[in-house]
Amino acid sequence: EARHLADSFLSMIKDGKADEKTLDELEDAAAFQNISHLPARVKCAVLSWHTLEDALKKKDGEEARK
């Protein structure tokens, strides 16, 4: 679920739009929907989501080695 939310958020920022279902899933994070219109803020908005993705990838890699 976390990976799905991260993908949804990053897609919303990249595309500058999202459907109602995605906005409902993102809950409070949906407030950043129009951040793509503020290029100086995009990096700040996506930093934690990229960090989450990296952590999940690292966890998956560690579990695969077990």
N, C-alpha and C. Protein backbone atom coordinates (compact mmCIF):
# COMPACT_ATOMS: atom_id res chain seq x y z
N GLU A 1 0.82 -1.19 0.00
CA GLU A 1 0.00 0.00 0.00
C GLU A 1 0.87 1.26 0.00
N ALA A 2 1.95 1.24 0.76
CA ALA A 2 2.83 2.42 0.81
C ALA A 2 3.42 2.71 -0.56
N ARG A 3 3.83 1.66 -1.24
CA ARG A 3 4.40 1.85 -2.58
C ARG A 3 3.35 2.41 -3.54
N HIS A 4 2.14 1.93 -3.42
CA HIS A 4 1.05 2.43 -4.27
C HIS A 4 0.80 3.92 -4.01
N LEU A 5 0.79 4.31 -2.74
CA LEU A 5 0.57 5.72 -2.40
C LEU A 5 1.71 6.59 -2.92
N ALA A 6 2.93 6.11 -2.78
CA ALA A 6 4.07 6.87 -3.28
C ALA A 6 3.99 7.03 -4.80
N ASP A 7 3.67 5.95 -5.49
CA ASP A 7 3.53 6.02 -6.95
C ASP A 7 2.41 6.98 -7.35
N SER A 8 1.31 6.92 -6.63
CA SER A 8 0.18 7.80 -6.93
C SER A 8 0.55 9.26 -6.72
N PHE A 9 1.23 9.53 -5.61
CA PHE A 9 1.62 10.91 -5.32
C PHE A 9 2.59 11.44 -6.37
N LEU A 10 3.61 10.66 -6.68
CA LEU A 10 4.61 11.10 -7.65
C LEU A 10 3.99 11.28 -9.04
N SER A 11 3.07 10.43 -9.40
CA SER A 11 2.38 10.58 -10.68
C SER A 11 1.54 11.85 -10.69
N MET A 12 0.88 12.11 -9.57
CA MET A 12 0.06 13.32 -9.47
C MET A 12 0.92 14.57 -9.65
N ILE A 13 2.09 14.58 -9.02
CA ILE A 13 2.97 15.73 -9.13
C ILE A 13 3.52 15.85 -10.55
N LYS A 14 3.92 14.74 -11.12
CA LYS A 14 4.49 14.74 -12.47
C LYS A 14 3.47 15.20 -13.51
N ASP A 15 2.26 14.66 -13.41
CA ASP A 15 1.22 14.96 -14.40
C ASP A 15 0.47 16.25 -14.09
N GLY A 16 0.51 16.68 -12.84
CA GLY A 16 -0.22 17.88 -12.45
C GLY A 16 -1.71 17.66 -12.29
N LYS A 17 -2.12 16.40 -12.28
CA LYS A 17 -3.54 16.10 -12.12
C LYS A 17 -3.71 14.69 -11.56
N ALA A 18 -4.88 14.45 -11.02
CA ALA A 18 -5.20 13.13 -10.49
C ALA A 18 -6.72 12.98 -10.47
N ASP A 19 -7.17 11.75 -10.59
CA ASP A 19 -8.61 11.52 -10.55
C ASP A 19 -9.10 11.54 -9.10
N GLU A 20 -10.40 11.54 -8.94
CA GLU A 20 -10.99 11.63 -7.59
C GLU A 20 -10.60 10.46 -6.71
N LYS A 21 -10.51 9.27 -7.28
CA LYS A 21 -10.14 8.09 -6.50
C LYS A 21 -8.73 8.26 -5.93
N THR A 22 -7.82 8.72 -6.75
CA THR A 22 -6.44 8.93 -6.30
C THR A 22 -6.38 9.99 -5.22
N LEU A 23 -7.10 11.07 -5.42
CA LEU A 23 -7.11 12.14 -4.41
C LEU A 23 -7.66 11.64 -3.09
N ASP A 24 -8.69 10.81 -3.14
CA ASP A 24 -9.25 10.23 -1.91
C ASP A 24 -8.23 9.32 -1.22
N GLU A 25 -7.51 8.53 -2.01
CA GLU A 25 -6.50 7.63 -1.44
C GLU A 25 -5.36 8.41 -0.79
N LEU A 26 -4.99 9.53 -1.38
CA LEU A 26 -3.87 10.31 -0.87
C LEU A 26 -4.22 11.13 0.36
N GLU A 27 -5.49 11.29 0.62
CA GLU A 27 -5.98 12.04 1.77
C GLU A 27 -5.32 13.42 1.85
N ASP A 28 -4.62 13.73 2.93
CA ASP A 28 -4.02 15.05 3.12
C ASP A 28 -2.96 15.38 2.07
N ALA A 29 -2.29 14.37 1.56
CA ALA A 29 -1.25 14.61 0.56
C ALA A 29 -1.83 15.17 -0.74
N ALA A 30 -3.12 15.02 -0.93
CA ALA A 30 -3.77 15.55 -2.12
C ALA A 30 -3.70 17.08 -2.17
N ALA A 31 -3.41 17.70 -1.04
CA ALA A 31 -3.28 19.15 -0.99
C ALA A 31 -2.15 19.65 -1.89
N PHE A 32 -1.23 18.76 -2.23
CA PHE A 32 -0.10 19.12 -3.08
C PHE A 32 -0.40 18.96 -4.57
N GLN A 33 -1.64 18.74 -4.91
CA GLN A 33 -2.02 18.45 -6.29
C GLN A 33 -1.50 19.50 -7.27
N ASN A 34 -1.55 20.75 -6.92
CA ASN A 34 -1.16 21.82 -7.85
C ASN A 34 0.28 22.27 -7.69
N ILE A 35 1.07 21.53 -6.95
CA ILE A 35 2.46 21.92 -6.71
C ILE A 35 3.28 21.89 -7.99
N SER A 36 2.84 21.13 -8.97
CA SER A 36 3.59 21.05 -10.23
C SER A 36 3.66 22.41 -10.92
N HIS A 37 2.78 23.31 -10.55
CA HIS A 37 2.79 24.66 -11.12
C HIS A 37 3.82 25.56 -10.43
N LEU A 38 4.45 25.03 -9.40
CA LEU A 38 5.47 25.77 -8.65
C LEU A 38 6.78 24.98 -8.69
N PRO A 39 7.50 25.05 -9.78
CA PRO A 39 8.69 24.20 -9.96
C PRO A 39 9.70 24.26 -8.81
N ALA A 40 9.82 25.40 -8.18
CA ALA A 40 10.77 25.52 -7.08
C ALA A 40 10.35 24.68 -5.87
N ARG A 41 9.10 24.30 -5.80
CA ARG A 41 8.59 23.54 -4.65
C ARG A 41 8.45 22.04 -4.92
N VAL A 42 8.54 21.64 -6.17
CA VAL A 42 8.36 20.23 -6.51
C VAL A 42 9.38 19.36 -5.80
N LYS A 43 10.63 19.76 -5.82
CA LYS A 43 11.68 18.96 -5.20
C LYS A 43 11.40 18.74 -3.71
N CYS A 44 10.95 19.77 -3.04
CA CYS A 44 10.61 19.65 -1.61
C CYS A 44 9.43 18.71 -1.41
N ALA A 45 8.45 18.82 -2.29
CA ALA A 45 7.23 18.03 -2.15
C ALA A 45 7.48 16.54 -2.36
N VAL A 46 8.41 16.19 -3.23
CA VAL A 46 8.61 14.78 -3.55
C VAL A 46 9.76 14.13 -2.77
N LEU A 47 10.53 14.91 -2.06
CA LEU A 47 11.70 14.36 -1.36
C LEU A 47 11.34 13.21 -0.43
N SER A 48 10.37 13.40 0.42
CA SER A 48 10.02 12.33 1.37
C SER A 48 9.44 11.11 0.67
N TRP A 49 8.74 11.32 -0.43
CA TRP A 49 8.17 10.20 -1.17
C TRP A 49 9.26 9.38 -1.85
N HIS A 50 10.28 10.06 -2.37
CA HIS A 50 11.41 9.34 -2.96
C HIS A 50 12.18 8.59 -1.87
N THR A 51 12.29 9.19 -0.71
CA THR A 51 12.96 8.53 0.41
C THR A 51 12.20 7.27 0.81
N LEU A 52 10.88 7.36 0.85
CA LEU A 52 10.05 6.19 1.15
C LEU A 52 10.28 5.09 0.12
N GLU A 53 10.28 5.45 -1.15
CA GLU A 53 10.52 4.45 -2.20
C GLU A 53 11.88 3.79 -2.03
N ASP A 54 12.90 4.58 -1.74
CA ASP A 54 14.25 4.03 -1.55
C ASP A 54 14.28 3.07 -0.36
N ALA A 55 13.61 3.44 0.72
CA ALA A 55 13.58 2.58 1.90
C ALA A 55 12.86 1.26 1.60
N LEU A 56 11.78 1.33 0.86
CA LEU A 56 11.06 0.11 0.50
C LEU A 56 11.89 -0.79 -0.41
N LYS A 57 12.60 -0.18 -1.34
CA LYS A 57 13.47 -0.97 -2.22
C LYS A 57 14.58 -1.64 -1.42
N LYS A 58 15.14 -0.90 -0.48
CA LYS A 58 16.21 -1.45 0.35
C LYS A 58 15.67 -2.62 1.19
N LYS A 59 14.49 -2.44 1.75
CA LYS A 59 13.88 -3.50 2.55
C LYS A 59 13.62 -4.73 1.70
N ASP A 60 13.10 -4.52 0.50
CA ASP A 60 12.84 -5.65 -0.41
C ASP A 60 14.14 -6.38 -0.74
N GLY A 61 15.21 -5.63 -0.94
CA GLY A 61 16.50 -6.23 -1.25
C GLY A 61 17.04 -7.04 -0.09
N GLU A 62 16.86 -6.55 1.12
CA GLU A 62 17.33 -7.27 2.30
C GLU A 62 16.52 -8.55 2.52
N GLU A 63 15.23 -8.47 2.28
CA GLU A 63 14.38 -9.66 2.46
C GLU A 63 14.68 -10.71 1.40
N ALA A 64 15.06 -10.27 0.21
CA ALA A 64 15.38 -11.21 -0.86
C ALA A 64 16.65 -11.99 -0.55
N ARG A 65 17.56 -11.38 0.20
CA ARG A 65 18.82 -12.04 0.54
C ARG A 65 18.66 -13.07 1.66
N LYS A 66 17.55 -13.02 2.37
CA LYS A 66 17.36 -13.94 3.50
C LYS A 66 16.97 -15.32 3.04
